Amino acid sequence: MSSRSGNMAPANKTYVAHVSTAQTGISRPEAEKRITGSIAEAKQTAAKGEQTAR
């Protein structure tokens, strides 16, 4: 994930989904949904932190 843009490269997202699926047994779409949700949550938390720091 790029710290500047807050985005994860598609290849990295695919890898994380693959590892998550292999280790937990969840479906690939569910793994991708959770990854996308986690990224969105991290972006929101970072934005709140920036606002608090100002």
Protein backbone atom coordinates (compact mmCIF):
# COMPACT_ATOMS: atom_id res chain seq x y z
CA MET A 1 0.00 0.00 0.00
CA SER A 2 1.32 3.37 -0.91
CA SER A 3 1.51 5.63 2.10
CA ARG A 4 0.97 8.69 -0.07
CA SER A 5 -2.04 7.60 -2.07
CA GLY A 6 -3.46 5.09 0.38
CA ASN A 7 -3.96 2.56 -2.39
CA MET A 8 -2.80 -1.02 -2.63
CA ALA A 9 -1.32 -2.21 -5.90
CA PRO A 10 -3.63 -4.73 -7.60
CA ALA A 11 -0.93 -7.41 -7.53
CA ASN A 12 -0.51 -6.96 -3.78
CA LYS A 13 -4.26 -7.09 -3.21
CA THR A 14 -4.44 -10.31 -5.25
CA TYR A 15 -1.61 -11.82 -3.20
CA VAL A 16 -3.20 -10.89 0.13
CA ALA A 17 -6.54 -12.32 -1.04
CA HIS A 18 -4.80 -15.54 -2.08
CA VAL A 19 -3.02 -15.91 1.27
CA SER A 20 -6.20 -15.07 3.20
CA THR A 21 -8.17 -17.64 1.25
CA ALA A 22 -5.53 -20.31 1.75
CA GLN A 23 -5.13 -19.70 5.48
CA THR A 24 -8.75 -19.10 6.49
CA GLY A 25 -10.81 -21.01 3.96
CA ILE A 26 -13.00 -18.02 3.13
CA SER A 27 -14.02 -17.49 -0.47
CA ARG A 28 -11.95 -15.30 -2.78
CA PRO A 29 -14.73 -12.69 -3.16
CA GLU A 30 -15.13 -12.52 0.62
CA ALA A 31 -11.38 -12.08 1.08
CA GLU A 32 -11.32 -9.26 -1.48
CA LYS A 33 -14.36 -7.63 0.18
CA ARG A 34 -12.61 -7.71 3.56
CA ILE A 35 -9.39 -6.29 2.11
CA THR A 36 -11.27 -3.45 0.42
CA GLY A 37 -13.13 -2.76 3.67
CA SER A 38 -9.91 -2.72 5.68
CA ILE A 39 -8.28 -0.30 3.26
CA ALA A 40 -11.31 2.00 3.42
CA GLU A 41 -11.27 1.87 7.22
CA ALA A 42 -7.54 2.67 7.32
CA LYS A 43 -8.08 5.66 5.00
CA GLN A 44 -10.91 6.92 7.19
CA THR A 45 -8.82 6.54 10.35
CA ALA A 46 -5.90 8.39 8.73
CA ALA A 47 -8.21 11.23 7.65
CA LYS A 48 -9.60 11.55 11.17
CA GLY A 49 -6.06 11.61 12.56
CA GLU A 50 -5.07 14.38 10.18
CA GLN A 51 -8.11 16.43 11.20
CA THR A 52 -7.38 15.91 14.89
CA ALA A 53 -3.77 16.97 14.43
CA ARG A 54 -4.79 20.30 12.94
